[in-house]
Protein backbone atom coordinates (compact mmCIF):
# COMPACT_ATOMS: atom_id res chain seq x y z
CA UNK A 1 69.81 21.46 48.88
CA UNK A 2 71.51 23.16 51.85
CA UNK A 3 68.94 25.85 52.49
CA UNK A 4 67.62 26.19 56.01
CA UNK A 5 63.88 26.85 55.59
CA UNK A 6 61.82 28.89 57.94
CA UNK A 7 58.99 26.77 59.44
CA UNK A 8 56.21 29.15 58.41
CA UNK A 9 57.04 28.41 54.72
CA UNK A 10 54.99 25.24 55.29
CA UNK A 11 51.92 27.55 55.15
CA UNK A 12 52.92 30.30 52.76
CA UNK A 13 55.73 28.95 50.52
CA UNK A 14 55.79 31.07 47.32
CA UNK A 15 57.75 28.47 45.36
CA UNK A 16 57.92 24.90 44.27
CA UNK A 17 60.92 22.60 44.35
CA UNK A 18 61.21 20.68 41.13
CA UNK A 19 63.84 18.82 39.13
CA UNK A 20 64.42 19.13 35.37
CA UNK A 21 62.07 16.21 34.64
CA UNK A 22 59.05 17.55 36.48
CA UNK A 23 56.15 18.56 34.30
CA UNK A 24 54.96 21.12 36.78
CA UNK A 25 58.32 22.83 36.66
CA UNK A 26 58.29 23.04 32.85
CA UNK A 27 54.80 24.47 32.98
CA UNK A 28 55.64 27.24 35.46
CA UNK A 29 58.96 28.16 33.81
CA UNK A 30 57.23 28.35 30.39
CA UNK A 31 54.78 30.77 31.87
CA UNK A 32 57.70 32.94 32.86
CA UNK A 33 59.32 32.80 29.43
CA UNK A 34 61.78 30.00 30.23
CA UNK A 35 62.24 26.62 28.47
CA UNK A 36 61.72 24.54 31.60
CA UNK A 37 65.07 22.79 31.49
CA UNK A 38 67.75 22.62 34.12
CA UNK A 39 70.55 20.62 35.62
CA UNK A 40 69.49 20.42 39.27
CA UNK A 41 66.50 20.90 41.45
CA UNK A 42 65.80 24.52 42.15
CA UNK A 43 63.07 26.94 43.20
CA UNK A 44 60.34 27.80 40.79
CA UNK A 45 58.62 30.94 42.03
CA UNK A 46 54.84 31.12 42.16
CA UNK A 47 53.20 34.46 41.22
CA UNK A 48 49.80 33.48 42.74
CA UNK A 49 49.87 33.95 46.57
CA UNK A 50 46.87 31.60 46.79
CA UNK A 51 49.19 28.74 45.78
CA UNK A 52 52.17 27.42 47.82
CA UNK A 53 52.25 25.85 51.22
CA UNK A 54 50.50 22.72 52.48
CA UNK A 55 46.99 24.18 52.32
CA UNK A 56 47.00 24.28 48.49
CA UNK A 57 48.46 20.79 47.98
CA UNK A 58 46.22 18.70 45.73
CA UNK A 59 46.45 15.67 48.03
CA UNK A 60 45.26 17.67 51.06
CA UNK A 61 42.38 19.24 49.06
CA UNK A 62 41.35 15.92 47.63
CA UNK A 63 41.40 13.99 50.82
CA UNK A 64 39.11 16.56 52.44
CA UNK A 65 36.53 16.45 49.74
CA UNK A 66 33.77 14.15 48.56
CA UNK A 67 33.64 12.71 45.06
CA UNK A 68 30.97 15.23 43.86
CA UNK A 69 31.88 18.33 45.89
CA UNK A 70 34.31 19.90 48.28
CA UNK A 71 33.82 19.85 52.02
CA UNK A 72 34.39 23.03 54.05
CA UNK A 73 33.78 21.05 57.17
CA UNK A 74 36.36 18.37 56.52
CA UNK A 75 38.87 20.95 55.26
CA UNK A 76 38.35 23.12 58.29
CA UNK A 77 38.61 20.04 60.58
CA UNK A 78 41.87 19.14 58.84
CA UNK A 79 43.33 22.57 59.44
CA UNK A 80 42.32 22.54 63.13
CA UNK A 81 43.84 19.07 63.64
CA UNK A 82 46.93 18.98 61.39
CA UNK A 83 47.98 22.61 61.36
CA UNK A 84 46.83 24.04 64.65
CA UNK A 85 46.63 20.92 66.75
CA UNK A 86 43.21 21.82 68.08
CA UNK A 87 41.05 18.77 67.13
CA UNK A 88 37.28 19.29 67.60
CA UNK A 89 35.22 16.69 69.47
CA UNK A 90 33.28 14.06 67.52
CA UNK A 91 29.79 15.06 66.27
CA UNK A 92 26.81 14.24 68.50
CA UNK A 93 24.63 11.25 67.52
CA UNK A 94 21.62 11.66 65.37
CA UNK A 95 22.81 14.78 63.36
CA UNK A 96 21.61 14.59 59.71
CA UNK A 97 24.28 14.36 57.05
CA UNK A 98 24.72 17.17 54.43
CA UNK A 99 24.08 16.53 50.70
CA UNK A 100 26.81 14.90 48.71
CA UNK A 101 26.99 17.41 45.89
CA UNK A 102 26.86 21.17 45.23
CA UNK A 103 23.30 21.25 43.85
CA UNK A 104 20.86 23.71 45.35
CA UNK A 105 18.32 22.30 47.72
CA UNK A 106 15.14 24.16 48.49
CA UNK A 107 16.67 27.22 46.61
CA UNK A 108 19.62 27.31 49.00
CA UNK A 109 23.19 27.08 47.88
CA UNK A 110 25.40 24.45 49.66
CA UNK A 111 27.04 27.24 51.77
CA UNK A 112 23.60 28.45 52.81
CA UNK A 113 22.58 24.91 53.75
CA UNK A 114 25.78 24.61 55.80
CA UNK A 115 25.11 27.91 57.57
CA UNK A 116 21.57 26.73 58.37
CA UNK A 117 23.00 23.47 59.60
CA UNK A 118 25.27 25.19 62.12
CA UNK A 119 22.47 27.28 63.62
CA UNK A 120 21.66 24.22 65.64
CA UNK A 121 23.10 24.72 69.21
CA UNK A 122 24.48 21.22 69.31
CA UNK A 123 26.47 21.87 66.06
CA UNK A 124 27.43 25.52 66.36
CA UNK A 125 30.21 25.19 68.89
CA UNK A 126 32.43 23.02 66.59
CA UNK A 127 31.18 24.28 63.13
CA UNK A 128 31.91 27.92 64.10
CA UNK A 129 35.53 26.91 64.37
CA UNK A 130 35.77 24.54 61.40
CA UNK A 131 33.66 25.98 58.73
CA UNK A 132 35.29 29.40 58.27
CA UNK A 133 38.66 27.73 57.72
CA UNK A 134 37.11 25.46 55.12
CA UNK A 135 35.26 28.35 53.41
CA UNK A 136 38.66 30.04 52.84
CA UNK A 137 39.65 27.12 50.63
CA UNK A 138 36.43 27.02 48.53
CA UNK A 139 38.24 28.41 45.50
CA UNK A 140 39.86 24.99 45.14
CA UNK A 141 37.69 22.23 43.78
CA UNK A 142 37.74 18.60 44.94
CA UNK A 143 41.15 17.95 43.26
CA UNK A 144 42.76 21.35 43.88
CA UNK A 145 41.90 23.09 40.61
CA UNK A 146 41.08 26.81 40.88
CA UNK A 147 37.45 27.73 40.39
CA UNK A 148 35.49 30.99 40.48
CA UNK A 149 31.95 29.69 40.50
CA UNK A 150 29.97 26.74 41.90
CA UNK A 151 26.62 25.54 40.52
CA UNK A 152 26.35 28.90 38.48
CA UNK A 153 27.12 31.17 41.41
CA UNK A 154 30.30 32.98 42.36
CA UNK A 155 32.39 31.17 44.96
CA UNK A 156 32.12 32.76 48.46
CA UNK A 157 35.51 32.09 50.07
CA UNK A 158 35.06 34.63 52.89
CA UNK A 159 35.14 33.65 56.58
CA UNK A 160 35.20 35.11 60.02
CA UNK A 161 37.09 33.27 62.86
CA UNK A 162 35.50 32.99 66.25
CA UNK A 163 38.14 35.36 67.50
CA UNK A 164 37.00 38.08 65.01
CA UNK A 165 39.53 37.95 62.13
CA UNK A 166 37.97 38.08 58.80
CA UNK A 167 39.48 36.93 55.45
CA UNK A 168 38.57 36.14 51.87
CA UNK A 169 40.34 33.36 49.90
CA UNK A 170 43.38 31.12 50.56
CA UNK A 171 45.93 33.88 50.56
CA UNK A 172 44.28 35.90 53.35
CA UNK A 173 43.46 32.64 55.22
CA UNK A 174 47.11 31.72 55.30
CA UNK A 175 47.95 35.18 56.74
CA UNK A 176 45.40 34.59 59.59
CA UNK A 177 47.02 31.24 60.31
CA UNK A 178 50.44 32.85 60.43
CA UNK A 179 49.10 34.99 63.29
CA UNK A 180 48.87 31.67 65.14
CA UNK A 181 52.48 30.74 64.42
CA UNK A 182 53.22 29.65 68.00
CA UNK A 183 50.32 27.31 68.02
CA UNK A 184 51.36 25.92 64.65
CA UNK A 185 54.95 25.45 65.73
CA UNK A 186 53.90 23.69 68.95
CA UNK A 187 51.77 21.23 67.05
CA UNK A 188 54.56 20.59 64.51
CA UNK A 189 57.03 20.10 67.34
CA UNK A 190 54.74 17.59 69.10
CA UNK A 191 54.19 15.58 65.90
CA UNK A 192 57.87 15.56 65.03
CA UNK A 193 58.93 14.55 68.56
CA UNK A 194 56.31 11.80 68.48
CA UNK A 195 57.65 10.57 65.21
CA UNK A 196 61.19 10.59 66.47
CA UNK A 197 60.14 8.65 69.62
CA UNK A 198 58.04 6.14 67.83
CA UNK A 199 55.04 7.02 70.06
CA UNK A 200 52.41 9.68 70.68
CA UNK A 201 53.25 12.59 72.94
CA UNK A 202 52.39 12.19 76.65
CA UNK A 203 51.56 14.76 79.28
CA UNK A 204 55.11 14.44 80.70
CA UNK A 205 56.55 15.45 77.33
CA UNK A 206 54.95 18.96 77.48
CA UNK A 207 57.91 20.64 79.23
CA UNK A 208 60.27 19.23 76.51
CA UNK A 209 57.87 20.49 73.84
CA UNK A 210 57.84 23.90 75.29
CA UNK A 211 61.69 24.00 75.51
CA UNK A 212 61.83 23.02 71.76
CA UNK A 213 59.37 25.71 70.86
CA UNK A 214 61.18 28.38 72.79
CA UNK A 215 64.50 27.48 71.19
CA UNK A 216 62.90 27.52 67.72
CA UNK A 217 61.42 30.95 68.30
CA UNK A 218 64.73 32.40 69.57
CA UNK A 219 66.45 31.13 66.41
CA UNK A 220 64.00 32.64 63.94
CA UNK A 221 61.83 29.56 63.48
CA UNK A 222 64.41 27.65 61.45
CA UNK A 223 63.59 24.03 60.52
CA UNK A 224 67.16 22.93 61.32
CA UNK A 225 66.74 24.23 64.93
CA UNK A 226 63.51 22.21 65.28
CA UNK A 227 65.29 18.99 64.26
CA UNK A 228 68.37 19.73 66.34
CA UNK A 229 66.33 20.47 69.51
CA UNK A 230 64.37 17.26 69.06
CA UNK A 231 67.57 15.16 68.71
CA UNK A 232 69.08 16.88 71.74
CA UNK A 233 66.04 16.51 73.87
CA UNK A 234 66.00 14.25 76.95
CA UNK A 235 63.17 11.98 75.72
CA UNK A 236 65.01 11.27 72.44
CA UNK A 237 68.41 10.75 73.85
CA UNK A 238 67.13 8.45 76.66
CA UNK A 239 64.37 6.69 74.77
CA UNK A 240 64.11 2.99 75.40
CA UNK A 241 64.37 0.69 72.39
CA UNK A 242 61.19 -1.27 71.84
CA UNK A 243 61.31 -4.94 72.78
CA UNK A 244 59.46 -7.77 70.98
CA UNK A 245 56.73 -7.68 73.60
CA UNK A 246 56.25 -3.93 73.09
CA UNK A 247 55.88 -4.37 69.39
CA UNK A 248 53.47 -7.25 69.88
CA UNK A 249 51.29 -5.06 72.20
CA UNK A 250 51.10 -2.31 69.63
CA UNK A 251 49.86 -4.70 66.94
CA UNK A 252 46.32 -3.60 66.03
CA UNK A 253 43.65 -6.26 66.03
CA UNK A 254 42.61 -7.40 62.60
CA UNK A 255 39.30 -5.83 61.66
CA UNK A 256 36.76 -7.40 59.41
CA UNK A 257 34.94 -4.14 58.68
CA UNK A 258 35.77 -1.34 56.29
CA UNK A 259 37.76 1.74 56.96
CA UNK A 260 36.00 4.44 58.97
CA UNK A 261 34.80 7.39 56.93
CA UNK A 262 35.20 11.06 57.93
CA UNK A 263 31.89 12.69 58.27
CA UNK A 264 30.92 16.33 58.38
CA UNK A 265 27.98 16.20 60.76
């Protein structure tokens, strides 16, 4: 595979990459009249614009859901943090949790309950940013299957961003996110630079991150340019190899408690 992918395909890829043994490849090629067989890995084009890209991956959709329902809050929070690099602050103490299933409560659908929840002034500032992003993915159930109704009512996958952009469904949501390409690329550059350095980004890395983003934009947002600029960057070329003491300091203390759960307060 010698193709040089454009970075925005992470969000809006219209194809899958499969080998001849992959069941998903056989499925999609049979839909197009093929036999699903091949010699090498190759693109399998998706006809549905709602599919493709990281936002429609089953793993992402499952990890941002509860066992009995989806979570627009957790999904919106994931998009803010992992795609846009704009993590919201933790919820204030004492905020009641939302129900764990999609059943109506007091005659209100789950979306109506969530809209009522964010009318609280202490919740609105964060939920107004997170919830619309999560609403745009509501056509996907807790494991990523497409659905048109929830609890007997049509899925409402519309949303309005705090900045005024409106959308309906995953395909239109991805177009809105593409309008924030520079923010997405900066977040991706920070994460990849941190991975290359073996540490989180620091304030003194910001000039380097900006130089990387500028170079990537000038070269048409190619993924190879992003990797090349990171490898050529000063922090990477002059990084200090970790000593045994450094590794020991980074060892987390053994915890006796369970893993922390994400909450949608």
